[in-house]
C-alpha atoms as a PDB file:
ATOM      1  CA  UNK A   1     -35.074   9.620  39.225  1.00  0.00           C
ATOM      2  CA  UNK A   2     -32.019  11.626  39.482  1.00  0.00           C
ATOM      3  CA  UNK A   3     -30.272   9.045  37.086  1.00  0.00           C
ATOM      4  CA  UNK A   4     -32.913   9.452  34.402  1.00  0.00           C
ATOM      5  CA  UNK A   5     -32.681  13.239  34.318  1.00  0.00           C
ATOM      6  CA  UNK A   6     -28.807  12.912  34.028  1.00  0.00           C
ATOM      7  CA  UNK A   7     -29.084  10.475  31.076  1.00  0.00           C
ATOM      8  CA  UNK A   8     -31.766  12.589  29.332  1.00  0.00           C
ATOM      9  CA  UNK A   9     -29.628  15.757  29.754  1.00  0.00           C
ATOM     10  CA  UNK A  10     -26.634  13.898  28.213  1.00  0.00           C
ATOM     11  CA  UNK A  11     -28.869  12.628  25.326  1.00  0.00           C
ATOM     12  CA  UNK A  12     -30.255  16.167  24.528  1.00  0.00           C
ATOM     13  CA  UNK A  13     -26.752  17.634  25.009  1.00  0.00           C
ATOM     14  CA  UNK A  14     -25.274  15.198  22.303  1.00  0.00           C
ATOM     15  CA  UNK A  15     -28.038  15.542  20.000  1.00  0.00           C
ATOM     16  CA  UNK A  16     -27.180  19.107  19.294  1.00  0.00           C
ATOM     17  CA  UNK A  17     -23.342  18.398  18.662  1.00  0.00           C
ATOM     18  CA  UNK A  18     -21.891  17.886  15.249  1.00  0.00           C
ATOM     19  CA  UNK A  19     -22.042  14.129  13.899  1.00  0.00           C
ATOM     20  CA  UNK A  20     -19.167  12.031  13.816  1.00  0.00           C
ATOM     21  CA  UNK A  21     -20.493   9.450  11.308  1.00  0.00           C
ATOM     22  CA  UNK A  22     -19.272   8.975   7.775  1.00  0.00           C
ATOM     23  CA  UNK A  23     -21.406   8.239   4.762  1.00  0.00           C
ATOM     24  CA  UNK A  24     -18.689   5.883   3.817  1.00  0.00           C
ATOM     25  CA  UNK A  25     -19.584   4.088   0.707  1.00  0.00           C
ATOM     26  CA  UNK A  26     -20.972   7.103  -0.886  1.00  0.00           C
ATOM     27  CA  UNK A  27     -18.259   9.610   0.377  1.00  0.00           C
ATOM     28  CA  UNK A  28     -14.568   8.611   0.476  1.00  0.00           C
ATOM     29  CA  UNK A  29     -12.603   8.808   3.518  1.00  0.00           C
ATOM     30  CA  UNK A  30     -10.035  11.441   4.077  1.00  0.00           C
ATOM     31  CA  UNK A  31      -6.974   9.419   5.018  1.00  0.00           C
ATOM     32  CA  UNK A  32      -3.804  10.872   6.641  1.00  0.00           C
ATOM     33  CA  UNK A  33      -0.591  11.139   4.217  1.00  0.00           C
ATOM     34  CA  UNK A  34       1.192   8.439   5.838  1.00  0.00           C
ATOM     35  CA  UNK A  35      -1.546   5.934   5.573  1.00  0.00           C
ATOM     36  CA  UNK A  36      -0.492   2.373   4.719  1.00  0.00           C
ATOM     37  CA  UNK A  37      -2.618   0.760   2.281  1.00  0.00           C
ATOM     38  CA  UNK A  38      -2.239  -1.825  -0.577  1.00  0.00           C
ATOM     39  CA  UNK A  39       0.927  -1.633  -2.363  1.00  0.00           C
ATOM     40  CA  UNK A  40       1.590  -0.545  -5.962  1.00  0.00           C
ATOM     41  CA  UNK A  41       4.237  -2.136  -7.917  1.00  0.00           C
ATOM     42  CA  UNK A  42       6.145  -0.787 -11.143  1.00  0.00           C
ATOM     43  CA  UNK A  43       8.004  -3.686 -12.666  1.00  0.00           C
ATOM     44  CA  UNK A  44      10.109  -1.347 -14.851  1.00  0.00           C
ATOM     45  CA  UNK A  45      12.062  -0.077 -11.766  1.00  0.00           C
ATOM     46  CA  UNK A  46      12.600  -3.437 -10.135  1.00  0.00           C
ATOM     47  CA  UNK A  47      16.252  -4.780 -10.182  1.00  0.00           C
ATOM     48  CA  UNK A  48      15.289  -8.069  -8.664  1.00  0.00           C
ATOM     49  CA  UNK A  49      17.484  -7.432  -5.659  1.00  0.00           C
ATOM     50  CA  UNK A  50      14.911  -9.467  -3.506  1.00  0.00           C
ATOM     51  CA  UNK A  51      15.327  -7.032  -0.422  1.00  0.00           C
ATOM     52  CA  UNK A  52      11.531  -6.780  -0.086  1.00  0.00           C
ATOM     53  CA  UNK A  53      11.047 -10.382   0.032  1.00  0.00           C
ATOM     54  CA  UNK A  54      13.663 -10.811   2.617  1.00  0.00           C
ATOM     55  CA  UNK A  55      12.589  -8.123   5.174  1.00  0.00           C
ATOM     56  CA  UNK A  56       8.866  -9.172   4.880  1.00  0.00           C
ATOM     57  CA  UNK A  57       8.057 -10.411   8.490  1.00  0.00           C
ATOM     58  CA  UNK A  58       5.071 -12.687   7.266  1.00  0.00           C
ATOM     59  CA  UNK A  59       6.945 -13.839   4.132  1.00  0.00           C
ATOM     60  CA  UNK A  60       4.077 -13.004   1.897  1.00  0.00           C
ATOM     61  CA  UNK A  61       6.003 -11.747  -0.875  1.00  0.00           C
ATOM     62  CA  UNK A  62       7.203 -13.993  -3.728  1.00  0.00           C
ATOM     63  CA  UNK A  63       9.846 -12.453  -6.209  1.00  0.00           C
ATOM     64  CA  UNK A  64      11.534 -14.352  -9.083  1.00  0.00           C
ATOM     65  CA  UNK A  65      13.939 -13.091 -11.671  1.00  0.00           C
ATOM     66  CA  UNK A  66      15.489 -14.697 -14.629  1.00  0.00           C
ATOM     67  CA  UNK A  67      18.811 -13.726 -16.616  1.00  0.00           C
ATOM     68  CA  UNK A  68      18.431 -10.829 -18.841  1.00  0.00           C
ATOM     69  CA  UNK A  69      18.351 -12.081 -22.484  1.00  0.00           C
ATOM     70  CA  UNK A  70      20.051  -8.683 -23.653  1.00  0.00           C
ATOM     71  CA  UNK A  71      23.788  -9.165 -22.779  1.00  0.00           C
ATOM     72  CA  UNK A  72      24.491  -5.481 -23.512  1.00  0.00           C
ATOM     73  CA  UNK A  73      21.991  -4.306 -20.984  1.00  0.00           C
ATOM     74  CA  UNK A  74      23.282  -3.174 -17.355  1.00  0.00           C
ATOM     75  CA  UNK A  75      20.644  -5.217 -15.490  1.00  0.00           C
ATOM     76  CA  UNK A  76      21.753  -8.785 -14.936  1.00  0.00           C
ATOM     77  CA  UNK A  77      18.346 -10.013 -13.792  1.00  0.00           C
ATOM     78  CA  UNK A  78      14.777  -9.168 -15.142  1.00  0.00           C
ATOM     79  CA  UNK A  79      11.699  -9.701 -13.100  1.00  0.00           C
ATOM     80  CA  UNK A  80       9.570 -12.798 -13.965  1.00  0.00           C
ATOM     81  CA  UNK A  81       6.965 -12.967 -11.113  1.00  0.00           C
ATOM     82  CA  UNK A  82       6.145 -10.729  -8.166  1.00  0.00           C
ATOM     83  CA  UNK A  83       3.193 -11.843  -5.992  1.00  0.00           C
ATOM     84  CA  UNK A  84       1.919 -10.763  -2.657  1.00  0.00           C
ATOM     85  CA  UNK A  85      -0.304 -12.879  -0.482  1.00  0.00           C
ATOM     86  CA  UNK A  86      -2.792 -10.440   1.143  1.00  0.00           C
ATOM     87  CA  UNK A  87      -4.224 -12.940   3.062  1.00  0.00           C
ATOM     88  CA  UNK A  88      -1.165 -12.668   5.525  1.00  0.00           C
ATOM     89  CA  UNK A  89       0.213  -9.228   4.743  1.00  0.00           C
ATOM     90  CA  UNK A  90       0.054  -6.836   7.533  1.00  0.00           C
ATOM     91  CA  UNK A  91       0.857  -3.704   5.553  1.00  0.00           C
ATOM     92  CA  UNK A  92       3.742  -2.866   7.539  1.00  0.00           C
ATOM     93  CA  UNK A  93       5.477  -0.771   4.945  1.00  0.00           C
ATOM     94  CA  UNK A  94       8.893  -2.420   5.363  1.00  0.00           C
ATOM     95  CA  UNK A  95       8.932  -3.604   1.827  1.00  0.00           C
ATOM     96  CA  UNK A  96       8.698   0.003   0.401  1.00  0.00           C
ATOM     97  CA  UNK A  97      11.167   1.281   2.824  1.00  0.00           C
ATOM     98  CA  UNK A  98      14.068  -1.209   1.822  1.00  0.00           C
ATOM     99  CA  UNK A  99      13.309  -0.878  -2.056  1.00  0.00           C
ATOM    100  CA  UNK A 100      16.321   0.843  -3.614  1.00  0.00           C
ATOM    101  CA  UNK A 101      14.576   1.988  -6.820  1.00  0.00           C
ATOM    102  CA  UNK A 102      11.073   2.817  -5.258  1.00  0.00           C
ATOM    103  CA  UNK A 103       9.405   0.038  -7.289  1.00  0.00           C
ATOM    104  CA  UNK A 104       6.997  -0.745  -4.570  1.00  0.00           C
ATOM    105  CA  UNK A 105       5.240   2.169  -3.010  1.00  0.00           C
ATOM    106  CA  UNK A 106       2.192   2.149  -0.668  1.00  0.00           C
ATOM    107  CA  UNK A 107      -1.175   3.767  -1.884  1.00  0.00           C
ATOM    108  CA  UNK A 108      -4.404   4.781   0.321  1.00  0.00           C
ATOM    109  CA  UNK A 109      -6.289   2.000  -1.006  1.00  0.00           C
ATOM    110  CA  UNK A 110      -7.511  -0.315   1.531  1.00  0.00           C
ATOM    111  CA  UNK A 111     -10.408  -2.211   0.404  1.00  0.00           C
ATOM    112  CA  UNK A 112      -9.566  -5.871  -0.300  1.00  0.00           C
ATOM    113  CA  UNK A 113     -12.882  -7.392   0.859  1.00  0.00           C
ATOM    114  CA  UNK A 114     -13.681 -10.536  -1.104  1.00  0.00           C
ATOM    115  CA  UNK A 115     -15.728 -13.801  -0.814  1.00  0.00           C
ATOM    116  CA  UNK A 116     -12.772 -16.105  -1.391  1.00  0.00           C
ATOM    117  CA  UNK A 117      -9.310 -16.212   0.067  1.00  0.00           C
ATOM    118  CA  UNK A 118      -8.021 -17.221  -3.416  1.00  0.00           C
ATOM    119  CA  UNK A 119      -8.780 -13.742  -4.677  1.00  0.00           C
ATOM    120  CA  UNK A 120      -6.114 -12.347  -2.122  1.00  0.00           C
ATOM    121  CA  UNK A 121      -3.189 -13.629  -4.002  1.00  0.00           C
ATOM    122  CA  UNK A 122      -2.427 -10.570  -6.097  1.00  0.00           C
ATOM    123  CA  UNK A 123       0.323 -10.810  -9.086  1.00  0.00           C
ATOM    124  CA  UNK A 124       2.482  -8.312 -10.689  1.00  0.00           C
ATOM    125  CA  UNK A 125      -0.217  -7.167 -13.222  1.00  0.00           C
ATOM    126  CA  UNK A 126      -2.610  -6.563 -10.551  1.00  0.00           C
ATOM    127  CA  UNK A 127      -0.136  -4.524  -8.414  1.00  0.00           C
ATOM    128  CA  UNK A 128       1.089  -2.569 -11.392  1.00  0.00           C
ATOM    129  CA  UNK A 129      -2.465  -1.319 -12.114  1.00  0.00           C
ATOM    130  CA  UNK A 130      -3.278  -0.433  -8.407  1.00  0.00           C
ATOM    131  CA  UNK A 131      -1.948   3.030  -9.179  1.00  0.00           C
ATOM    132  CA  UNK A 132      -4.829   5.219  -7.821  1.00  0.00           C
ATOM    133  CA  UNK A 133      -4.189   7.142  -4.531  1.00  0.00           C
ATOM    134  CA  UNK A 134      -0.560   6.757  -4.665  1.00  0.00           C
ATOM    135  CA  UNK A 135       0.797   8.449  -1.509  1.00  0.00           C
ATOM    136  CA  UNK A 136       1.626  12.391  -2.042  1.00  0.00           C
ATOM    137  CA  UNK A 137       5.261  11.697  -1.113  1.00  0.00           C
ATOM    138  CA  UNK A 138       5.536   9.116  -3.899  1.00  0.00           C
ATOM    139  CA  UNK A 139       3.812  11.100  -6.405  1.00  0.00           C
ATOM    140  CA  UNK A 140       6.686  13.772  -6.756  1.00  0.00           C
ATOM    141  CA  UNK A 141       9.028  12.692  -9.693  1.00  0.00           C
ATOM    142  CA  UNK A 142      12.139  11.176  -8.580  1.00  0.00           C
ATOM    143  CA  UNK A 143      15.327  12.097 -10.361  1.00  0.00           C
ATOM    144  CA  UNK A 144      16.914   9.488 -12.864  1.00  0.00           C
ATOM    145  CA  UNK A 145      18.153   6.552 -11.387  1.00  0.00           C
ATOM    146  CA  UNK A 146      15.581   6.263  -8.879  1.00  0.00           C
ATOM    147  CA  UNK A 147      17.341   8.064  -6.193  1.00  0.00           C
ATOM    148  CA  UNK A 148      15.101   9.697  -3.379  1.00  0.00           C
ATOM    149  CA  UNK A 149      14.957  13.442  -3.345  1.00  0.00           C
ATOM    150  CA  UNK A 150      16.748  15.296  -0.383  1.00  0.00           C
ATOM    151  CA  UNK A 151      14.330  16.605   2.265  1.00  0.00           C
ATOM    152  CA  UNK A 152      16.167  19.698   2.672  1.00  0.00           C
END
């Protein structure tokens, strides 16, 4: 009998507290600033250095380049393909950390649910269009040359 009274007391006490559930599909979640979501890719900034593909622990990034047809251009290579396999991507943020031009940045998007695994292979065009909810730190304009701003 004592256990039932304790259980009911706890139940009544928690009924009066603020609810902790979210109306998720209807109301978007407030995510922290450093949340690691799906990447956004800007092909115009990419110099085809291949550092993102080399550092990826799951080897889910495929990056290819070809010779620049314009001989007067400073860039020796231009990007041909950039694909990410989100079936094995762990969203570790390493690819964005090593990118010298910030061509790839993380967003707060996280919804990749699909009925087919083939839909988890994303190409350069899809990643370029994924520009909503880019992290606040990446929204700030970067100086010419793609160098990061000083923190102090």
